[in-house]
Amino acid sequence: MSKERVILGIDPGTTVMGYGVVLANGNNASMVAMGVLELHKYSDHYLKLKRIFERVVELVETYSPDELAIEAPFYGKNVQSMLKLGRAQGVAMAAALSRSVPIFEYAPLRIKQAITGRGNASKEQVALILKHLLNLQEMPKYLDATDGLAAAYCHFLQNQKLASTSSVKSWKDFISKNPGRVNR
């Protein structure tokens, strides 16, 4: 049986940064917290980066995550936007590293695919499936919060997948170690 671990998920952004915290215990995961850091009130880009760093440090100190799962920036049509997003991601990563939290990076397509089964799913589809999977009572104002939660849940699923197959010696062994995943 796996030990309990806390996963902090971050959806980096320079206007809104989303975050989610998942408690993983064996094959079960539950949401601990989710929210956003609103950055549109800051006009200075460097002040935004400072605020991202401070908030991620606060999240690490509050929830003591064992791991950070962060969404990787993707290449869009606007190179300047991608550079700003990359800086926001780098600052969030630096904040976690300053507190010795290991980092795991996932492409947006990979996160969507892990949650919905489709890499081209919308933010709304990801949020609705997370609402069902994690028994969320209500949807947040900004779906960036569920995107941060999705990064954390994707990491939970990735580790669950690796744990279930890492020490398997045969199909019989796999079936005995995964009773809930195999129909007999």
N, C-alpha and C. Protein backbone atom coordinates (compact mmCIF):
# COMPACT_ATOMS: atom_id res chain seq x y z
N MET A 1 0.85 -1.19 0.00
CA MET A 1 0.00 0.00 0.00
C MET A 1 0.89 1.25 0.00
N SER A 2 0.55 2.20 -0.85
CA SER A 2 1.33 3.43 -0.95
C SER A 2 1.09 4.32 0.26
N LYS A 3 2.10 5.09 0.59
CA LYS A 3 1.94 6.04 1.69
C LYS A 3 1.15 7.25 1.20
N GLU A 4 0.59 7.94 2.15
CA GLU A 4 -0.17 9.15 1.85
C GLU A 4 0.78 10.23 1.34
N ARG A 5 0.35 10.96 0.31
CA ARG A 5 1.17 12.06 -0.18
C ARG A 5 0.29 13.20 -0.67
N VAL A 6 0.85 14.37 -0.61
CA VAL A 6 0.15 15.59 -1.02
C VAL A 6 0.78 16.08 -2.31
N ILE A 7 -0.08 16.37 -3.29
CA ILE A 7 0.38 16.85 -4.59
C ILE A 7 -0.19 18.25 -4.82
N LEU A 8 0.68 19.19 -5.09
CA LEU A 8 0.28 20.55 -5.45
C LEU A 8 0.34 20.66 -6.96
N GLY A 9 -0.76 21.06 -7.56
CA GLY A 9 -0.82 21.27 -9.01
C GLY A 9 -0.90 22.75 -9.31
N ILE A 10 -0.16 23.18 -10.32
CA ILE A 10 -0.13 24.60 -10.70
C ILE A 10 -0.43 24.73 -12.19
N ASP A 11 -1.34 25.64 -12.52
CA ASP A 11 -1.57 26.07 -13.89
C ASP A 11 -1.02 27.49 -13.97
N PRO A 12 0.21 27.64 -14.46
CA PRO A 12 0.84 28.96 -14.44
C PRO A 12 0.14 29.93 -15.38
N GLY A 13 0.14 31.17 -14.98
CA GLY A 13 -0.44 32.21 -15.82
C GLY A 13 0.04 33.56 -15.35
N THR A 14 -0.03 34.55 -16.24
CA THR A 14 0.39 35.89 -15.88
C THR A 14 -0.82 36.79 -15.61
N THR A 15 -2.01 36.28 -15.86
CA THR A 15 -3.23 37.00 -15.53
C THR A 15 -3.91 36.31 -14.35
N VAL A 16 -4.04 34.99 -14.45
CA VAL A 16 -4.60 34.16 -13.38
C VAL A 16 -3.77 32.89 -13.29
N MET A 17 -3.27 32.59 -12.09
CA MET A 17 -2.56 31.33 -11.85
C MET A 17 -3.51 30.44 -11.05
N GLY A 18 -3.75 29.24 -11.56
CA GLY A 18 -4.61 28.31 -10.85
C GLY A 18 -3.79 27.31 -10.06
N TYR A 19 -4.36 26.84 -8.94
CA TYR A 19 -3.69 25.81 -8.16
C TYR A 19 -4.72 24.84 -7.58
N GLY A 20 -4.26 23.63 -7.35
CA GLY A 20 -5.09 22.62 -6.70
C GLY A 20 -4.20 21.74 -5.86
N VAL A 21 -4.75 21.25 -4.76
CA VAL A 21 -4.00 20.37 -3.85
C VAL A 21 -4.80 19.08 -3.72
N VAL A 22 -4.12 17.97 -3.97
CA VAL A 22 -4.74 16.65 -3.92
C VAL A 22 -4.04 15.82 -2.85
N LEU A 23 -4.84 15.12 -2.06
CA LEU A 23 -4.31 14.15 -1.10
C LEU A 23 -4.46 12.78 -1.74
N ALA A 24 -3.34 12.11 -1.97
CA ALA A 24 -3.33 10.78 -2.58
C ALA A 24 -3.03 9.75 -1.49
N ASN A 25 -3.88 8.75 -1.43
CA ASN A 25 -3.71 7.68 -0.46
C ASN A 25 -4.01 6.36 -1.16
N GLY A 26 -2.96 5.66 -1.58
CA GLY A 26 -3.16 4.42 -2.33
C GLY A 26 -3.84 4.72 -3.65
N ASN A 27 -4.99 4.06 -3.89
CA ASN A 27 -5.74 4.24 -5.13
C ASN A 27 -6.77 5.36 -5.02
N ASN A 28 -6.79 6.08 -3.92
CA ASN A 28 -7.78 7.13 -3.71
C ASN A 28 -7.12 8.50 -3.71
N ALA A 29 -7.88 9.46 -4.23
CA ALA A 29 -7.42 10.85 -4.22
C ALA A 29 -8.59 11.72 -3.83
N SER A 30 -8.30 12.77 -3.09
CA SER A 30 -9.33 13.73 -2.73
C SER A 30 -8.76 15.13 -2.82
N MET A 31 -9.65 16.08 -3.09
CA MET A 31 -9.22 17.46 -3.17
C MET A 31 -9.09 18.04 -1.77
N VAL A 32 -7.98 18.70 -1.53
CA VAL A 32 -7.76 19.40 -0.27
C VAL A 32 -8.12 20.87 -0.44
N ALA A 33 -7.69 21.46 -1.54
CA ALA A 33 -7.93 22.88 -1.81
C ALA A 33 -7.75 23.17 -3.28
N MET A 34 -8.36 24.26 -3.72
CA MET A 34 -8.09 24.79 -5.06
C MET A 34 -8.43 26.27 -5.04
N GLY A 35 -7.80 26.99 -5.93
CA GLY A 35 -8.04 28.41 -6.00
C GLY A 35 -7.21 29.06 -7.07
N VAL A 36 -7.21 30.37 -7.06
CA VAL A 36 -6.45 31.12 -8.05
C VAL A 36 -5.73 32.29 -7.39
N LEU A 37 -4.72 32.72 -8.07
CA LEU A 37 -4.03 33.97 -7.74
C LEU A 37 -4.35 34.92 -8.89
N GLU A 38 -5.10 35.96 -8.61
CA GLU A 38 -5.47 36.93 -9.64
C GLU A 38 -4.34 37.94 -9.79
N LEU A 39 -3.84 38.06 -10.99
CA LEU A 39 -2.68 38.92 -11.24
C LEU A 39 -3.00 40.11 -12.15
N HIS A 40 -4.21 40.19 -12.67
CA HIS A 40 -4.54 41.26 -13.61
C HIS A 40 -4.52 42.64 -12.97
N LYS A 41 -4.55 42.70 -11.64
CA LYS A 41 -4.50 44.01 -10.95
C LYS A 41 -3.09 44.60 -10.92
N TYR A 42 -2.09 43.79 -11.27
CA TYR A 42 -0.70 44.28 -11.29
C TYR A 42 -0.33 44.62 -12.73
N SER A 43 0.14 45.85 -12.94
CA SER A 43 0.50 46.25 -14.30
C SER A 43 1.94 45.86 -14.65
N ASP A 44 2.80 45.77 -13.66
CA ASP A 44 4.21 45.45 -13.86
C ASP A 44 4.41 43.93 -13.92
N HIS A 45 4.98 43.45 -15.02
CA HIS A 45 5.19 42.01 -15.21
C HIS A 45 6.09 41.42 -14.12
N TYR A 46 7.10 42.16 -13.71
CA TYR A 46 8.03 41.65 -12.69
C TYR A 46 7.37 41.57 -11.32
N LEU A 47 6.44 42.46 -11.06
CA LEU A 47 5.68 42.40 -9.82
C LEU A 47 4.78 41.16 -9.81
N LYS A 48 4.23 40.83 -10.99
CA LYS A 48 3.44 39.60 -11.13
C LYS A 48 4.29 38.38 -10.81
N LEU A 49 5.50 38.35 -11.34
CA LEU A 49 6.40 37.21 -11.09
C LEU A 49 6.74 37.10 -9.60
N LYS A 50 6.98 38.23 -8.97
CA LYS A 50 7.26 38.24 -7.53
C LYS A 50 6.08 37.68 -6.75
N ARG A 51 4.88 38.11 -7.14
CA ARG A 51 3.67 37.65 -6.44
C ARG A 51 3.45 36.15 -6.66
N ILE A 52 3.75 35.63 -7.86
CA ILE A 52 3.64 34.18 -8.13
C ILE A 52 4.59 33.43 -7.20
N PHE A 53 5.83 33.90 -7.12
CA PHE A 53 6.82 33.25 -6.26
C PHE A 53 6.32 33.21 -4.81
N GLU A 54 5.86 34.36 -4.31
CA GLU A 54 5.40 34.44 -2.92
C GLU A 54 4.21 33.51 -2.67
N ARG A 55 3.26 33.47 -3.61
CA ARG A 55 2.07 32.64 -3.40
C ARG A 55 2.40 31.16 -3.44
N VAL A 56 3.29 30.75 -4.34
CA VAL A 56 3.67 29.33 -4.38
C VAL A 56 4.40 28.95 -3.09
N VAL A 57 5.26 29.81 -2.59
CA VAL A 57 5.92 29.54 -1.31
C VAL A 57 4.86 29.40 -0.20
N GLU A 58 3.87 30.29 -0.19
CA GLU A 58 2.78 30.20 0.81
C GLU A 58 2.05 28.86 0.70
N LEU A 59 1.75 28.44 -0.52
CA LEU A 59 1.05 27.17 -0.74
C LEU A 59 1.89 25.99 -0.24
N VAL A 60 3.19 26.05 -0.52
CA VAL A 60 4.09 24.98 -0.06
C VAL A 60 4.14 24.96 1.46
N GLU A 61 4.24 26.11 2.06
CA GLU A 61 4.31 26.16 3.53
C GLU A 61 2.98 25.77 4.19
N THR A 62 1.86 26.06 3.53
CA THR A 62 0.55 25.72 4.07
C THR A 62 0.23 24.23 3.95
N TYR A 63 0.48 23.65 2.77
CA TYR A 63 0.04 22.28 2.50
C TYR A 63 1.15 21.24 2.54
N SER A 64 2.40 21.65 2.65
CA SER A 64 3.55 20.74 2.70
C SER A 64 3.48 19.64 1.64
N PRO A 65 3.41 20.03 0.35
CA PRO A 65 3.29 19.00 -0.69
C PRO A 65 4.56 18.15 -0.80
N ASP A 66 4.34 16.90 -1.15
CA ASP A 66 5.46 15.99 -1.42
C ASP A 66 5.97 16.19 -2.83
N GLU A 67 5.10 16.69 -3.73
CA GLU A 67 5.45 16.87 -5.14
C GLU A 67 4.66 18.03 -5.72
N LEU A 68 5.23 18.63 -6.76
CA LEU A 68 4.56 19.68 -7.52
C LEU A 68 4.36 19.18 -8.94
N ALA A 69 3.14 19.24 -9.41
CA ALA A 69 2.83 18.93 -10.81
C ALA A 69 2.46 20.25 -11.47
N ILE A 70 3.15 20.58 -12.54
CA ILE A 70 2.92 21.89 -13.17
C ILE A 70 2.69 21.71 -14.66
N GLU A 71 1.78 22.52 -15.17
CA GLU A 71 1.49 22.48 -16.60
C GLU A 71 2.61 23.19 -17.35
N ALA A 72 3.11 22.55 -18.39
CA ALA A 72 4.18 23.11 -19.21
C ALA A 72 3.60 24.14 -20.17
N PRO A 73 4.35 25.20 -20.46
CA PRO A 73 3.85 26.16 -21.45
C PRO A 73 3.81 25.51 -22.82
N PHE A 74 2.87 25.92 -23.62
CA PHE A 74 2.76 25.38 -24.97
C PHE A 74 2.99 26.50 -25.97
N TYR A 75 3.45 26.12 -27.15
CA TYR A 75 3.74 27.11 -28.17
C TYR A 75 2.44 27.53 -28.85
N GLY A 76 2.15 28.81 -28.76
CA GLY A 76 0.99 29.38 -29.43
C GLY A 76 1.47 30.27 -30.56
N LYS A 77 0.58 31.10 -31.03
CA LYS A 77 0.94 32.00 -32.13
C LYS A 77 1.71 33.22 -31.65
N ASN A 78 1.54 33.58 -30.38
CA ASN A 78 2.18 34.77 -29.86
C ASN A 78 3.41 34.38 -29.03
N VAL A 79 4.59 34.64 -29.57
CA VAL A 79 5.83 34.28 -28.91
C VAL A 79 6.01 35.04 -27.59
N GLN A 80 5.63 36.30 -27.56
CA GLN A 80 5.76 37.09 -26.33
C GLN A 80 4.91 36.52 -25.21
N SER A 81 3.70 36.08 -25.51
CA SER A 81 2.84 35.47 -24.49
C SER A 81 3.47 34.18 -23.98
N MET A 82 4.04 33.40 -24.88
CA MET A 82 4.68 32.15 -24.47
C MET A 82 5.88 32.43 -23.55
N LEU A 83 6.65 33.46 -23.86
CA LEU A 83 7.80 33.81 -23.02
C LEU A 83 7.34 34.24 -21.63
N LYS A 84 6.29 35.04 -21.56
CA LYS A 84 5.76 35.48 -20.26
C LYS A 84 5.24 34.29 -19.47
N LEU A 85 4.55 33.38 -20.13
CA LEU A 85 4.03 32.19 -19.47
C LEU A 85 5.18 31.30 -18.98
N GLY A 86 6.22 31.20 -19.79
CA GLY A 86 7.40 30.41 -19.38
C GLY A 86 8.08 31.00 -18.16
N ARG A 87 8.12 32.32 -18.08
CA ARG A 87 8.68 32.97 -16.89
C ARG A 87 7.83 32.68 -15.67
N ALA A 88 6.51 32.75 -15.83
CA ALA A 88 5.60 32.46 -14.71
C ALA A 88 5.81 31.02 -14.23
N GLN A 89 5.95 30.10 -15.17
CA GLN A 89 6.18 28.70 -14.80
C GLN A 89 7.52 28.57 -14.09
N GLY A 90 8.55 29.22 -14.61
CA GLY A 90 9.87 29.14 -14.00
C GLY A 90 9.90 29.69 -12.58
N VAL A 91 9.19 30.77 -12.35
CA VAL A 91 9.14 31.36 -11.01
C VAL A 91 8.41 30.42 -10.05
N ALA A 92 7.31 29.81 -10.50
CA ALA A 92 6.58 28.85 -9.67
C ALA A 92 7.47 27.65 -9.34
N MET A 93 8.22 27.19 -10.33
CA MET A 93 9.13 26.06 -10.11
C MET A 93 10.24 26.45 -9.13
N ALA A 94 10.79 27.65 -9.28
CA ALA A 94 11.85 28.11 -8.39
C ALA A 94 11.35 28.20 -6.94
N ALA A 95 10.11 28.64 -6.78
CA ALA A 95 9.53 28.73 -5.43
C ALA A 95 9.44 27.35 -4.80
N ALA A 96 8.98 26.36 -5.57
CA ALA A 96 8.88 24.99 -5.05
C ALA A 96 10.28 24.43 -4.77
N LEU A 97 11.20 24.67 -5.67
CA LEU A 97 12.57 24.17 -5.47
C LEU A 97 13.23 24.81 -4.26
N SER A 98 12.88 26.07 -3.98
CA SER A 98 13.46 26.73 -2.82
C SER A 98 13.04 26.06 -1.51
N ARG A 99 12.00 25.26 -1.58
CA ARG A 99 11.52 24.52 -0.41
C ARG A 99 11.70 23.00 -0.60
N SER A 100 12.56 22.63 -1.57
CA SER A 100 12.94 21.23 -1.84
C SER A 100 11.77 20.33 -2.24
N VAL A 101 10.82 20.88 -2.98
CA VAL A 101 9.69 20.09 -3.47
C VAL A 101 10.03 19.61 -4.89
N PRO A 102 10.01 18.29 -5.13
CA PRO A 102 10.28 17.77 -6.48
C PRO A 102 9.21 18.22 -7.47
N ILE A 103 9.63 18.45 -8.70
CA ILE A 103 8.74 18.99 -9.74
C ILE A 103 8.54 17.98 -10.86
N PHE A 104 7.28 17.89 -11.32
CA PHE A 104 6.91 17.04 -12.43
C PHE A 104 6.11 17.91 -13.40
N GLU A 105 6.54 17.90 -14.65
CA GLU A 105 5.96 18.79 -15.65
C GLU A 105 5.13 17.97 -16.63
N TYR A 106 3.94 18.49 -16.96
CA TYR A 106 3.04 17.80 -17.89
C TYR A 106 2.54 18.77 -18.95
N ALA A 107 2.52 18.29 -20.19
CA ALA A 107 1.97 19.09 -21.29
C ALA A 107 0.46 19.21 -21.11
N PRO A 108 -0.12 20.34 -21.53
CA PRO A 108 -1.57 20.51 -21.40
C PRO A 108 -2.36 19.36 -22.04
N LEU A 109 -1.92 18.90 -23.20
CA LEU A 109 -2.58 17.79 -23.88
C LEU A 109 -2.57 16.53 -23.02
N ARG A 110 -1.45 16.27 -22.36
CA ARG A 110 -1.32 15.08 -21.50
C ARG A 110 -2.27 15.17 -20.29
N ILE A 111 -2.38 16.35 -19.71
CA ILE A 111 -3.26 16.53 -18.56
C ILE A 111 -4.71 16.31 -18.98
N LYS A 112 -5.12 16.94 -20.08
CA LYS A 112 -6.50 16.77 -20.57
C LYS A 112 -6.80 15.32 -20.90
N GLN A 113 -5.84 14.66 -21.53
CA GLN A 113 -6.02 13.25 -21.89
C GLN A 113 -6.15 12.37 -20.65
N ALA A 114 -5.35 12.64 -19.63
CA ALA A 114 -5.41 11.85 -18.40
C ALA A 114 -6.76 12.00 -17.70
N ILE A 115 -7.32 13.20 -17.73
CA ILE A 115 -8.57 13.47 -17.02
C ILE A 115 -9.79 13.05 -17.84
N THR A 116 -9.81 13.42 -19.12
CA THR A 116 -11.01 13.20 -19.94
C THR A 116 -10.90 12.06 -20.94
N GLY A 117 -9.67 11.63 -21.22
CA GLY A 117 -9.49 10.64 -22.28
C GLY A 117 -9.28 11.28 -23.64
N ARG A 118 -9.38 12.62 -23.71
CA ARG A 118 -9.20 13.35 -24.96
C ARG A 118 -8.26 14.51 -24.76
N GLY A 119 -7.24 14.60 -25.57
CA GLY A 119 -6.26 15.67 -25.45
C GLY A 119 -6.77 17.03 -25.88
N ASN A 120 -7.87 17.05 -26.63
CA ASN A 120 -8.41 18.34 -27.11
C ASN A 120 -9.65 18.76 -26.31
N ALA A 121 -9.81 18.23 -25.11
CA ALA A 121 -10.96 18.58 -24.28
C ALA A 121 -10.90 20.06 -23.87
N SER A 122 -12.06 20.63 -23.63
CA SER A 122 -12.13 22.03 -23.20
C SER A 122 -11.91 22.12 -21.69
N LYS A 123 -11.65 23.35 -21.22
CA LYS A 123 -11.51 23.60 -19.78
C LYS A 123 -12.78 23.17 -19.05
N GLU A 124 -13.93 23.42 -19.66
CA GLU A 124 -15.21 23.08 -19.04
C GLU A 124 -15.36 21.56 -18.90
N GLN A 125 -14.94 20.81 -19.91
CA GLN A 125 -15.02 19.35 -19.84
C GLN A 125 -14.11 18.80 -18.75
N VAL A 126 -12.90 19.33 -18.66
CA VAL A 126 -11.96 18.92 -17.61
C VAL A 126 -12.57 19.20 -16.24
N ALA A 127 -13.13 20.39 -16.07
CA ALA A 127 -13.72 20.78 -14.79
C ALA A 127 -14.89 19.88 -14.41
N LEU A 128 -15.75 19.56 -15.37
CA LEU A 128 -16.92 18.71 -15.08
C LEU A 128 -16.51 17.29 -14.68
N ILE A 129 -15.50 16.76 -15.33
CA ILE A 129 -15.05 15.41 -14.97
C ILE A 129 -14.38 15.42 -13.60
N LEU A 130 -13.58 16.45 -13.32
CA LEU A 130 -12.99 16.57 -11.98
C LEU A 130 -14.06 16.73 -10.91
N LYS A 131 -15.11 17.46 -11.24
CA LYS A 131 -16.21 17.63 -10.28
C LYS A 131 -16.78 16.26 -9.89
N HIS A 132 -16.92 15.40 -10.88
CA HIS A 132 -17.44 14.05 -10.63
C HIS A 132 -16.42 13.18 -9.91
N LEU A 133 -15.18 13.18 -10.39
CA LEU A 133 -14.14 12.32 -9.81
C LEU A 133 -13.80 12.66 -8.36
N LEU A 134 -13.78 13.95 -8.05
CA LEU A 134 -13.35 14.40 -6.73
C LEU A 134 -14.51 14.93 -5.87
N ASN A 135 -15.72 14.70 -6.33
CA ASN A 135 -16.92 15.12 -5.59
C ASN A 135 -16.88 16.59 -5.20
N LEU A 136 -16.56 17.45 -6.16
CA LEU A 136 -16.52 18.89 -5.90
C LEU A 136 -17.94 19.39 -5.73
N GLN A 137 -18.15 20.23 -4.74
CA GLN A 137 -19.48 20.75 -4.45
C GLN A 137 -19.92 21.83 -5.44
N GLU A 138 -18.98 22.64 -5.87
CA GLU A 138 -19.32 23.71 -6.82
C GLU A 138 -18.13 24.00 -7.71
N MET A 139 -18.43 24.62 -8.83
CA MET A 139 -17.38 24.98 -9.77
C MET A 139 -16.81 26.35 -9.39
N PRO A 140 -15.50 26.52 -9.53
CA PRO A 140 -14.90 27.82 -9.19
C PRO A 140 -15.24 28.88 -10.24
N LYS A 141 -15.07 30.14 -9.86
CA LYS A 141 -15.31 31.26 -10.78
C LYS A 141 -14.36 31.17 -11.98
N TYR A 142 -13.10 30.89 -11.69
CA TYR A 142 -12.10 30.76 -12.75
C TYR A 142 -11.75 29.29 -12.93
N LEU A 143 -11.82 28.79 -14.16
CA LEU A 143 -11.49 27.39 -14.41
C LEU A 143 -9.98 27.13 -14.36
N ASP A 144 -9.20 28.19 -14.18
CA ASP A 144 -7.76 28.02 -13.96
C ASP A 144 -7.54 27.20 -12.68
N ALA A 145 -8.46 27.33 -11.72
CA ALA A 145 -8.37 26.57 -10.47
C ALA A 145 -8.50 25.08 -10.75
N THR A 146 -9.48 24.71 -11.58
CA THR A 146 -9.63 23.28 -11.91
C THR A 146 -8.50 22.81 -12.81
N ASP A 147 -7.89 23.71 -13.57
CA ASP A 147 -6.72 23.34 -14.37
C ASP A 147 -5.54 23.00 -13.46
N GLY A 148 -5.36 23.76 -12.40
CA GLY A 148 -4.31 23.44 -11.41
C GLY A 148 -4.61 22.11 -10.74
N LEU A 149 -5.87 21.90 -10.39
CA LEU A 149 -6.29 20.63 -9.79
C LEU A 149 -6.08 19.49 -10.76
N ALA A 150 -6.33 19.73 -12.04
CA ALA A 150 -6.14 18.71 -13.08
C ALA A 150 -4.67 18.29 -13.17
N ALA A 151 -3.76 19.24 -13.05
CA ALA A 151 -2.32 18.90 -13.08
C ALA A 151 -1.98 17.97 -11.92
N ALA A 152 -2.49 18.28 -10.73
CA ALA A 152 -2.23 17.44 -9.56
C ALA A 152 -2.85 16.06 -9.74
N TYR A 153 -4.09 16.00 -10.25
CA TYR A 153 -4.77 14.71 -10.42
C TYR A 153 -4.11 13.89 -11.53
N CYS A 154 -3.64 14.54 -12.58
CA CYS A 154 -2.90 13.85 -13.64
C CYS A 154 -1.66 13.19 -13.05
N HIS A 155 -0.96 13.90 -12.18
CA HIS A 155 0.24 13.34 -11.55
C HIS A 155 -0.13 12.15 -10.65
N PHE A 156 -1.23 12.26 -9.93
CA PHE A 156 -1.72 11.13 -9.13
C PHE A 156 -1.96 9.92 -10.02
N LEU A 157 -2.65 10.11 -11.15
CA LEU A 157 -2.94 9.00 -12.06
C LEU A 157 -1.67 8.42 -12.65
N GLN A 158 -0.72 9.27 -12.99
CA GLN A 158 0.56 8.81 -13.55
C GLN A 158 1.30 7.93 -12.55
N ASN A 159 1.35 8.36 -11.30
CA ASN A 159 2.03 7.57 -10.27
C ASN A 159 1.29 6.28 -9.97
N GLN A 160 -0.03 6.33 -10.01
CA GLN A 160 -0.84 5.14 -9.78
C GLN A 160 -0.56 4.11 -10.88
N LYS A 161 -0.48 4.59 -12.10
CA LYS A 161 -0.19 3.72 -13.24
C LYS A 161 1.19 3.09 -13.11
N LEU A 162 2.19 3.90 -12.73
CA LEU A 162 3.55 3.38 -12.58
C LEU A 162 3.64 2.40 -11.42
N ALA A 163 2.98 2.70 -10.31
CA ALA A 163 3.03 1.83 -9.14
C ALA A 163 2.39 0.49 -9.42
N SER A 164 1.32 0.50 -10.22
CA SER A 164 0.61 -0.76 -10.45
C SER A 164 1.36 -1.68 -11.40
N THR A 165 2.28 -1.15 -12.18
CA THR A 165 3.00 -2.00 -13.14
C THR A 165 4.48 -2.16 -12.83
N SER A 166 5.00 -1.43 -11.84
CA SER A 166 6.45 -1.42 -11.62
C SER A 166 7.00 -2.73 -11.07
N SER A 167 6.26 -3.42 -10.24
CA SER A 167 6.80 -4.64 -9.64
C SER A 167 6.02 -5.88 -10.06
N VAL A 168 5.45 -5.86 -11.26
CA VAL A 168 4.66 -6.98 -11.74
C VAL A 168 5.57 -7.97 -12.46
N LYS A 169 5.42 -9.24 -12.08
CA LYS A 169 6.27 -10.28 -12.67
C LYS A 169 5.55 -11.07 -13.76
N SER A 170 4.22 -11.10 -13.71
CA SER A 170 3.43 -11.86 -14.68
C SER A 170 2.02 -11.29 -14.72
N TRP A 171 1.20 -11.77 -15.69
CA TRP A 171 -0.20 -11.34 -15.75
C TRP A 171 -0.94 -11.76 -14.49
N LYS A 172 -0.66 -12.94 -14.00
CA LYS A 172 -1.31 -13.42 -12.78
C LYS A 172 -0.96 -12.49 -11.61
N ASP A 173 0.29 -12.08 -11.52
CA ASP A 173 0.74 -11.16 -10.49
C ASP A 173 0.05 -9.80 -10.65
N PHE A 174 -0.06 -9.31 -11.89
CA PHE A 174 -0.73 -8.04 -12.16
C PHE A 174 -2.18 -8.09 -11.69
N ILE A 175 -2.89 -9.17 -12.02
CA ILE A 175 -4.30 -9.32 -11.64
C ILE A 175 -4.45 -9.36 -10.13
N SER A 176 -3.56 -10.05 -9.45
CA SER A 176 -3.67 -10.13 -7.99
C SER A 176 -3.38 -8.80 -7.32
N LYS A 177 -2.51 -7.96 -7.94
CA LYS A 177 -2.17 -6.66 -7.35
C LYS A 177 -3.13 -5.55 -7.77
N ASN A 178 -4.01 -5.82 -8.71
CA ASN A 178 -4.94 -4.81 -9.23
C ASN A 178 -6.37 -5.33 -9.30
N PRO A 179 -6.93 -5.79 -8.20
CA PRO A 179 -8.26 -6.39 -8.24
C PRO A 179 -9.35 -5.44 -8.73
N GLY A 180 -9.23 -4.17 -8.44
CA GLY A 180 -10.26 -3.21 -8.85
C GLY A 180 -10.15 -2.77 -10.29
N ARG A 181 -9.03 -3.07 -10.96
CA ARG A 181 -8.82 -2.62 -12.33
C ARG A 181 -9.04 -3.70 -13.36
N VAL A 182 -9.27 -4.94 -12.92
CA VAL A 182 -9.38 -6.06 -13.84
C VAL A 182 -10.72 -6.75 -13.64
N ASN A 183 -11.46 -6.91 -14.75
CA ASN A 183 -12.71 -7.67 -14.69
C ASN A 183 -12.40 -9.15 -14.90
N ARG A 184 -12.91 -9.96 -14.00
CA ARG A 184 -12.64 -11.40 -14.12
C ARG A 184 -13.74 -12.12 -14.81
